């Protein structure tokens, strides 16, 4: 067995879960991919929202891990490990109350190894998956999670994740408060470079890689209950993302929230779109989807090398301009009524961290029943827990509206 290197900062020997308020939680949380952009942001957000949590930061970069632990304070430690080494993974899960899987990209992971290990060790689980196939494989372990008594939430990031909960609240309000019948649901997100920022947190390359990985997949949507397959990065719409962002183009992509919202929220027409600034990123994505052979796009190593080759340019733009993330969820009902959810944060990296942290705290507080759930399922995030989750996830937003 390979050794695991620990950098300890006063970690408790026996983990316990408190039933008190979030800042009183004394659970031990392991964050895999903890030295990455999303993982480190999640750790930082958890330390702010709930200082009493005991945090284990799992990753392969010892130097980055030690620096992060130093910034987090005494209730943290770094664990050097490789998630593909099952012996190391099982060992580090011992004594952990919840594991956060933030070691993407999920597109390249053929098995749900972390979730399987969590079920085996009876450890609660949250992931920030943004890939449809991976999410469906995770749901395939639902019965095993129930048998083990383990609560698990997949696609629990910002979009998908918070966007799903926003949609669930809109649908629930339409049906149960207004007596209306939901007819169509549209998700849209926009990654926007903003000259108001000096630094972005370096998320640009990660976002670009995630989108490039989707260009070999048909964009699945639903039209009046029928599944339709559309070309990726097609179907452009000019969408108003509200104050500070304005109208931006967004394009169809195969995103997990489309299937889950259609199946769980029972909305007959569902689609999801994504766009970015500066405009040339959209041109590059359209050209790649149109002209690169499917065989090339399915070769994950080749796609990675493309993104790696332009990584310096992406980082330069990130450093000079900074970035923000905007989301919009539109619900139309058969009686003509419309409901809208808007979310804008000036720093995607910070926003992603608070989103994942909000799901972690909801699970630790007992909101999630045993099984594997999508964020919009009430067994995953209880209906009466959605308000608190959104309050936590929207920390630092420049615009958040639920109409």
Protein backbone atom coordinates (compact mmCIF):
# COMPACT_ATOMS: atom_id res chain seq x y z
CA UNK A 1 0.00 0.00 0.00
CA UNK A 2 1.25 3.45 -0.87
CA UNK A 3 1.75 5.82 2.01
CA UNK A 4 -0.48 8.81 2.68
CA UNK A 5 1.19 12.02 3.74
CA UNK A 6 -0.68 14.13 6.29
CA UNK A 7 -0.12 17.75 7.27
CA UNK A 8 -2.06 17.91 10.53
CA UNK A 9 -3.68 20.96 12.09
CA UNK A 10 -5.42 19.74 15.24
CA UNK A 11 -7.84 17.21 13.72
CA UNK A 12 -10.22 15.48 16.13
CA UNK A 13 -9.65 11.76 16.67
CA UNK A 14 -13.34 10.85 16.76
CA UNK A 15 -15.68 12.57 14.26
CA UNK A 16 -19.21 13.39 15.35
CA UNK A 17 -22.17 15.12 13.74
CA UNK A 18 -23.88 17.78 15.80
CA UNK A 19 -27.60 18.51 15.46
CA UNK A 20 -26.99 22.15 16.32
CA UNK A 21 -26.76 25.14 13.99
CA UNK A 22 -24.32 25.03 11.03
CA UNK A 23 -21.54 26.92 12.79
CA UNK A 24 -21.69 24.31 15.56
CA UNK A 25 -21.13 21.33 13.25
CA UNK A 26 -18.10 19.27 14.25
CA UNK A 27 -18.16 16.80 11.36
CA UNK A 28 -15.08 15.74 9.43
CA UNK A 29 -15.27 16.48 5.69
CA UNK A 30 -12.87 15.16 3.02
CA UNK A 31 -12.57 17.22 -0.18
CA UNK A 32 -11.10 15.30 -3.12
CA UNK A 33 -9.55 17.56 -5.72
CA UNK A 34 -9.08 19.89 -2.78
CA UNK A 35 -6.07 21.68 -4.30
CA UNK A 36 -7.98 22.33 -7.55
CA UNK A 37 -9.97 25.45 -8.29
CA UNK A 38 -13.41 24.17 -7.25
CA UNK A 39 -12.13 22.02 -4.39
CA UNK A 40 -10.06 24.76 -2.77
CA UNK A 41 -12.93 27.23 -3.14
CA UNK A 42 -15.27 24.72 -1.49
CA UNK A 43 -12.87 24.29 1.42
CA UNK A 44 -12.58 28.06 1.85
CA UNK A 45 -16.35 28.53 1.74
CA UNK A 46 -16.92 25.74 4.29
CA UNK A 47 -14.36 27.27 6.65
CA UNK A 48 -16.24 30.59 6.45
CA UNK A 49 -19.76 29.18 6.73
CA UNK A 50 -18.93 26.66 9.44
CA UNK A 51 -15.57 27.27 11.17
CA UNK A 52 -16.01 24.23 13.44
CA UNK A 53 -15.83 21.73 10.57
CA UNK A 54 -12.79 19.48 10.43
CA UNK A 55 -11.51 19.62 6.84
CA UNK A 56 -9.32 17.10 5.05
CA UNK A 57 -7.93 18.44 1.77
CA UNK A 58 -7.19 15.55 -0.59
CA UNK A 59 -4.96 16.07 -3.62
CA UNK A 60 -1.71 15.25 -5.40
CA UNK A 61 0.07 18.59 -5.04
CA UNK A 62 1.67 18.66 -1.61
CA UNK A 63 2.94 22.23 -1.94
CA UNK A 64 -0.47 23.64 -2.90
CA UNK A 65 -2.15 21.52 -0.25
CA UNK A 66 0.12 22.76 2.51
CA UNK A 67 -0.45 26.38 1.43
CA UNK A 68 -4.24 25.93 1.43
CA UNK A 69 -4.23 24.24 4.84
CA UNK A 70 -2.15 27.10 6.21
CA UNK A 71 -4.76 29.60 5.00
CA UNK A 72 -7.67 27.56 6.38
CA UNK A 73 -6.39 27.37 9.92
CA UNK A 74 -6.03 24.76 12.63
CA UNK A 75 -9.10 22.66 11.80
CA UNK A 76 -7.62 21.35 8.55
CA UNK A 77 -5.10 18.87 7.18
CA UNK A 78 -3.73 17.90 3.78
CA UNK A 79 -3.85 14.30 2.54
CA UNK A 80 -1.69 13.46 -0.45
CA UNK A 81 -3.50 10.83 -2.53
CA UNK A 82 -4.63 9.69 -5.95
CA UNK A 83 -8.38 9.03 -6.26
CA UNK A 84 -7.69 6.23 -8.73
CA UNK A 85 -5.80 4.29 -6.06
CA UNK A 86 -8.59 2.40 -4.31
CA UNK A 87 -6.46 1.34 -1.33
CA UNK A 88 -5.45 4.92 -0.60
CA UNK A 89 -9.02 6.12 -1.09
CA UNK A 90 -10.49 3.57 1.30
CA UNK A 91 -7.85 4.36 3.89
CA UNK A 92 -8.44 8.10 3.81
CA UNK A 93 -12.22 7.65 4.04
CA UNK A 94 -11.84 6.03 7.46
CA UNK A 95 -13.34 8.29 10.10
CA UNK A 96 -14.75 10.77 7.55
CA UNK A 97 -18.41 11.84 7.82
CA UNK A 98 -18.76 13.21 4.28
CA UNK A 99 -16.66 13.20 1.12
CA UNK A 100 -16.85 15.92 -1.55
CA UNK A 101 -15.80 14.73 -5.01
CA UNK A 102 -14.44 17.80 -6.83
CA UNK A 103 -11.68 16.02 -8.75
CA UNK A 104 -12.99 16.55 -12.28
CA UNK A 105 -13.31 16.56 -15.17
CA UNK A 106 -16.04 13.94 -14.76
CA UNK A 107 -16.29 13.33 -18.50
CA UNK A 108 -13.10 11.26 -18.39
CA UNK A 109 -14.15 9.10 -15.42
CA UNK A 110 -15.66 5.83 -16.63
CA UNK A 111 -16.58 4.62 -13.15
CA UNK A 112 -18.04 6.23 -10.04
CA UNK A 113 -15.09 5.01 -7.99
CA UNK A 114 -15.38 7.64 -5.26
CA UNK A 115 -19.11 7.09 -4.77
CA UNK A 116 -18.60 3.33 -4.67
CA UNK A 117 -15.90 3.75 -2.03
CA UNK A 118 -18.17 6.10 -0.06
CA UNK A 119 -20.97 3.55 -0.10
CA UNK A 120 -18.56 0.78 0.95
CA UNK A 121 -17.27 2.85 3.88
CA UNK A 122 -20.73 4.26 4.69
CA UNK A 123 -19.64 7.85 4.12
CA UNK A 124 -22.05 10.57 3.00
CA UNK A 125 -21.24 11.91 -0.48
CA UNK A 126 -21.54 15.09 -2.57
CA UNK A 127 -20.08 15.65 -6.05
CA UNK A 128 -19.88 18.65 -8.37
CA UNK A 129 -20.34 16.56 -11.53
CA UNK A 130 -21.28 18.46 -14.71
CA UNK A 131 -21.48 15.44 -17.03
CA UNK A 132 -24.74 13.69 -17.90
CA UNK A 133 -23.35 10.18 -18.35
CA UNK A 134 -21.46 10.27 -15.05
CA UNK A 135 -24.53 11.58 -13.21
CA UNK A 136 -26.67 8.77 -14.62
CA UNK A 137 -24.05 6.19 -13.57
CA UNK A 138 -24.12 7.68 -10.09
CA UNK A 139 -27.91 7.33 -10.00
CA UNK A 140 -27.41 3.69 -10.95
CA UNK A 141 -25.91 3.17 -7.47
CA UNK A 142 -29.08 4.45 -5.80
CA UNK A 143 -30.20 1.09 -4.38
CA UNK A 144 -26.72 0.33 -3.03
CA UNK A 145 -26.65 3.68 -1.26
CA UNK A 146 -30.06 2.98 0.29
CA UNK A 147 -28.91 -0.44 1.46
CA UNK A 148 -25.83 1.14 3.06
CA UNK A 149 -27.89 3.95 4.60
CA UNK A 150 -25.76 6.57 2.80
CA UNK A 151 -27.08 9.97 1.65
CA UNK A 152 -25.52 11.15 -1.63
CA UNK A 153 -26.15 14.07 -3.99
CA UNK A 154 -24.77 14.21 -7.53
CA UNK A 155 -24.41 17.33 -9.73
CA UNK A 156 -24.32 19.49 -6.58
CA UNK A 157 -22.33 22.43 -7.90
CA UNK A 158 -23.40 25.81 -9.23
CA UNK A 159 -24.87 24.87 -12.64
CA UNK A 160 -25.93 22.12 -12.44
CA UNK A 161 -26.68 22.24 -8.76
CA UNK A 162 -27.94 25.57 -7.49
CA UNK A 163 -29.69 26.06 -10.84
CA UNK A 164 -31.66 22.83 -10.21
CA UNK A 165 -32.80 24.05 -6.79
CA UNK A 166 -33.84 27.40 -8.30
CA UNK A 167 -35.91 25.53 -10.90
CA UNK A 168 -37.48 23.33 -8.21
CA UNK A 169 -38.55 26.37 -6.20
CA UNK A 170 -40.07 28.02 -9.28
CA UNK A 171 -41.98 24.87 -10.24
CA UNK A 172 -43.15 24.26 -6.67
CA UNK A 173 -44.39 27.84 -6.38
CA UNK A 174 -46.24 27.65 -9.68
CA UNK A 175 -47.98 24.37 -8.86
CA UNK A 176 -48.67 24.66 -5.15
CA UNK A 177 -49.07 28.38 -4.63
CA UNK A 178 -50.46 29.63 -7.94
CA UNK A 179 -52.25 26.48 -9.07
CA UNK A 180 -50.53 26.78 -12.47
CA UNK A 181 -49.27 24.00 -14.75
CA UNK A 182 -45.60 24.26 -15.78
CA UNK A 183 -45.16 24.01 -19.53
CA UNK A 184 -41.51 24.78 -20.30
CA UNK A 185 -38.27 25.26 -18.39
CA UNK A 186 -35.14 26.85 -19.79
CA UNK A 187 -31.72 26.89 -18.11
CA UNK A 188 -29.10 29.36 -19.30
CA UNK A 189 -25.65 30.22 -17.95
CA UNK A 190 -23.03 32.68 -19.06
CA UNK A 191 -19.35 32.87 -18.22
CA UNK A 192 -18.54 36.55 -18.66
CA UNK A 193 -15.18 38.28 -18.48
CA UNK A 194 -15.77 41.53 -16.60
CA UNK A 195 -13.41 44.50 -16.53
CA UNK A 196 -14.61 45.16 -13.01
CA UNK A 197 -12.36 42.34 -11.79
CA UNK A 198 -8.58 42.13 -11.52
CA UNK A 199 -8.39 38.38 -10.96
CA UNK A 200 -10.72 35.52 -11.73
CA UNK A 201 -9.38 32.70 -9.64
CA UNK A 202 -8.09 31.02 -12.82
CA UNK A 203 -11.26 29.12 -13.71
CA UNK A 204 -11.16 29.92 -17.43
CA UNK A 205 -9.14 26.84 -18.52
CA UNK A 206 -11.35 24.53 -16.44
CA UNK A 207 -14.54 25.95 -17.93
CA UNK A 208 -13.15 25.76 -21.47
CA UNK A 209 -12.09 22.13 -21.03
CA UNK A 210 -15.48 21.13 -19.61
CA UNK A 211 -17.28 22.70 -22.57
CA UNK A 212 -14.92 21.22 -25.15
CA UNK A 213 -15.58 17.77 -23.72
CA UNK A 214 -19.29 18.23 -24.47
CA UNK A 215 -18.87 18.98 -28.17
CA UNK A 216 -18.94 15.30 -29.14
CA UNK A 217 -22.39 14.85 -27.54
CA UNK A 218 -25.80 15.67 -28.98
CA UNK A 219 -27.51 18.37 -26.96
CA UNK A 220 -30.47 16.56 -25.38
CA UNK A 221 -33.63 18.62 -24.91
CA UNK A 222 -37.31 17.83 -24.39
CA UNK A 223 -40.14 19.20 -26.50
CA UNK A 224 -43.66 18.53 -25.16
CA UNK A 225 -42.45 15.37 -23.45
CA UNK A 226 -40.46 14.05 -26.41
CA UNK A 227 -36.68 13.74 -26.23
CA UNK A 228 -34.93 15.53 -29.09
CA UNK A 229 -31.26 15.46 -30.09
CA UNK A 230 -29.77 18.71 -31.34
CA UNK A 231 -26.33 19.76 -32.53
CA UNK A 232 -24.03 20.96 -29.75
CA UNK A 233 -23.45 24.71 -29.60
CA UNK A 234 -26.39 25.39 -31.91
CA UNK A 235 -29.77 27.04 -31.27
CA UNK A 236 -28.34 30.38 -30.16
CA UNK A 237 -30.63 32.66 -28.15
CA UNK A 238 -29.93 36.21 -26.97
CA UNK A 239 -30.83 36.02 -23.27
CA UNK A 240 -31.12 38.85 -20.74
CA UNK A 241 -29.06 37.93 -17.65
CA UNK A 242 -30.08 41.05 -15.74
CA UNK A 243 -28.20 43.98 -14.28
CA UNK A 244 -24.45 44.07 -14.67
CA UNK A 245 -24.49 41.50 -17.51
CA UNK A 246 -27.30 42.36 -19.91
CA UNK A 247 -28.16 40.39 -23.02
CA UNK A 248 -25.76 37.64 -24.07
CA UNK A 249 -25.81 34.80 -26.59
CA UNK A 250 -26.18 31.27 -25.25
CA UNK A 251 -25.97 27.94 -27.09
CA UNK A 252 -27.38 24.44 -26.59
CA UNK A 253 -25.23 21.93 -24.71
CA UNK A 254 -25.89 18.48 -23.26
CA UNK A 255 -26.17 19.34 -19.56
CA UNK A 256 -27.41 17.02 -16.74
CA UNK A 257 -30.11 19.35 -15.42
CA UNK A 258 -32.17 18.89 -18.60
CA UNK A 259 -32.86 15.19 -18.00
CA UNK A 260 -33.21 15.43 -14.24
CA UNK A 261 -35.57 18.43 -14.34
CA UNK A 262 -37.72 16.80 -17.00
CA UNK A 263 -37.99 13.51 -15.14
CA UNK A 264 -38.24 14.83 -11.58
CA UNK A 265 -40.05 18.15 -11.93
CA UNK A 266 -42.32 16.74 -14.66
CA UNK A 267 -41.94 19.70 -17.00
CA UNK A 268 -42.64 18.60 -20.62
CA UNK A 269 -40.29 21.05 -22.40
CA UNK A 270 -36.75 21.57 -21.06
CA UNK A 271 -33.48 22.86 -22.53
CA UNK A 272 -30.12 24.22 -21.33
CA UNK A 273 -27.77 26.75 -22.92
CA UNK A 274 -24.34 28.18 -22.24
CA UNK A 275 -22.34 31.11 -23.60
CA UNK A 276 -19.20 33.07 -22.79
CA UNK A 277 -17.36 36.32 -23.32
CA UNK A 278 -15.21 37.51 -25.02
CA UNK A 279 -17.22 36.60 -28.12
CA UNK A 280 -14.34 34.76 -29.83
CA UNK A 281 -14.68 31.87 -27.34
CA UNK A 282 -18.18 31.22 -28.74
CA UNK A 283 -16.84 31.38 -32.30
CA UNK A 284 -14.13 28.87 -31.40
CA UNK A 285 -16.66 26.51 -29.80
CA UNK A 286 -19.01 26.73 -32.79
CA UNK A 287 -16.15 26.08 -35.22
CA UNK A 288 -14.92 23.12 -33.18
CA UNK A 289 -18.41 21.58 -33.03
CA UNK A 290 -18.95 22.12 -36.74
CA UNK A 291 -15.61 21.21 -38.28
CA UNK A 292 -13.71 18.89 -35.95
CA UNK A 293 -14.54 15.20 -36.58
CA UNK A 294 -16.50 13.38 -33.88
CA UNK A 295 -13.67 10.88 -33.57
CA UNK A 296 -11.29 13.70 -32.73
CA UNK A 297 -13.64 15.24 -30.16
CA UNK A 298 -14.16 11.85 -28.50
CA UNK A 299 -10.40 11.52 -27.98
CA UNK A 300 -10.09 13.08 -24.53
CA UNK A 301 -6.30 13.31 -24.78
CA UNK A 302 -6.44 15.29 -28.03
CA UNK A 303 -9.06 17.68 -26.61
CA UNK A 304 -6.96 18.14 -23.49
CA UNK A 305 -3.90 18.97 -25.60
CA UNK A 306 -5.85 21.63 -27.53
CA UNK A 307 -6.97 23.31 -24.32
CA UNK A 308 -3.48 22.93 -22.87
CA UNK A 309 -1.96 24.63 -25.93
CA UNK A 310 -4.15 27.72 -25.54
CA UNK A 311 -4.07 27.65 -21.73
CA UNK A 312 -1.56 30.56 -21.52
CA UNK A 313 -3.91 32.76 -23.56
CA UNK A 314 -6.91 31.84 -21.40
CA UNK A 315 -4.99 32.60 -18.23
CA UNK A 316 -3.79 35.94 -19.58
CA UNK A 317 -7.36 36.96 -20.34
CA UNK A 318 -8.39 35.71 -16.87
CA UNK A 319 -5.67 37.73 -15.17
CA UNK A 320 -6.34 40.94 -17.10
CA UNK A 321 -10.12 40.90 -17.19
CA UNK A 322 -11.42 38.66 -14.42
CA UNK A 323 -14.75 36.88 -14.78
CA UNK A 324 -18.26 36.45 -13.51
CA UNK A 325 -20.95 33.80 -13.77
CA UNK A 326 -24.60 34.46 -14.52
CA UNK A 327 -27.49 32.00 -14.52
CA UNK A 328 -31.09 32.40 -15.59
CA UNK A 329 -33.93 29.91 -15.13
CA UNK A 330 -37.18 30.61 -17.02
CA UNK A 331 -40.43 28.79 -16.26
CA UNK A 332 -43.48 29.24 -18.48
CA UNK A 333 -46.91 27.92 -17.48
CA UNK A 334 -49.92 26.94 -19.56
CA UNK A 335 -51.96 29.90 -18.26
CA UNK A 336 -49.39 32.35 -19.62
CA UNK A 337 -47.73 33.04 -16.27
CA UNK A 338 -43.95 33.28 -16.26
CA UNK A 339 -41.44 32.90 -13.44
CA UNK A 340 -37.76 33.81 -13.54
CA UNK A 341 -34.71 33.10 -11.40
CA UNK A 342 -31.53 35.18 -11.85
CA UNK A 343 -28.11 34.64 -10.27
CA UNK A 344 -24.92 36.65 -10.88
CA UNK A 345 -21.61 36.47 -9.05
CA UNK A 346 -18.51 38.46 -9.99
CA UNK A 347 -16.16 35.56 -9.25
CA UNK A 348 -17.03 32.13 -10.57
CA UNK A 349 -14.42 30.39 -8.43
CA UNK A 350 -15.84 31.86 -5.22
CA UNK A 351 -19.42 31.21 -6.28
CA UNK A 352 -18.71 27.55 -7.12
CA UNK A 353 -17.21 27.06 -3.68
CA UNK A 354 -20.20 28.45 -1.81
CA UNK A 355 -22.57 26.42 -3.97
CA UNK A 356 -20.87 23.12 -3.15
CA UNK A 357 -20.50 24.11 0.51
CA UNK A 358 -24.24 24.80 0.74
CA UNK A 359 -24.99 21.23 -0.39
CA UNK A 360 -22.43 19.78 2.03
CA UNK A 361 -24.01 21.55 5.00
CA UNK A 362 -27.52 20.50 3.93
CA UNK A 363 -26.43 16.84 3.92
CA UNK A 364 -24.65 17.14 7.28
CA UNK A 365 -27.76 18.72 8.80
CA UNK A 366 -29.87 15.72 7.82
CA UNK A 367 -31.70 17.11 4.79
CA UNK A 368 -30.80 14.11 2.61
CA UNK A 369 -32.33 10.65 2.82
CA UNK A 370 -30.29 7.50 2.04
CA UNK A 371 -29.87 7.04 -1.71
CA UNK A 372 -28.37 8.95 -4.64
CA UNK A 373 -30.30 12.11 -5.51
CA UNK A 374 -30.29 15.04 -7.89
CA UNK A 375 -30.47 18.50 -6.25
CA UNK A 376 -34.11 19.09 -7.24
CA UNK A 377 -35.34 15.89 -5.60
CA UNK A 378 -36.95 16.59 -2.19
CA UNK A 379 -35.30 13.44 -0.82
CA UNK A 380 -31.97 15.07 -1.64
CA UNK A 381 -32.63 18.64 -0.52
CA UNK A 382 -35.83 18.77 1.50
CA UNK A 383 -38.32 21.41 0.34
CA UNK A 384 -38.07 23.31 3.61
CA UNK A 385 -34.24 23.27 3.34
CA UNK A 386 -34.08 24.90 -0.10
CA UNK A 387 -34.35 28.46 1.21
CA UNK A 388 -31.36 28.05 3.56
CA UNK A 389 -29.35 26.34 0.83
CA UNK A 390 -29.91 29.24 -1.56
CA UNK A 391 -29.05 31.77 1.14
CA UNK A 392 -25.69 30.06 1.63
CA UNK A 393 -25.05 29.50 -2.07
CA UNK A 394 -25.74 33.14 -2.95
CA UNK A 395 -23.12 34.59 -0.60
CA UNK A 396 -21.49 37.53 -2.38
CA UNK A 397 -23.81 37.59 -5.40
CA UNK A 398 -24.22 40.92 -7.18
CA UNK A 399 -27.72 39.93 -8.30
CA UNK A 400 -30.07 37.21 -7.08
CA UNK A 401 -33.77 37.30 -7.95
CA UNK A 402 -36.51 34.69 -7.68
CA UNK A 403 -39.73 36.01 -9.23
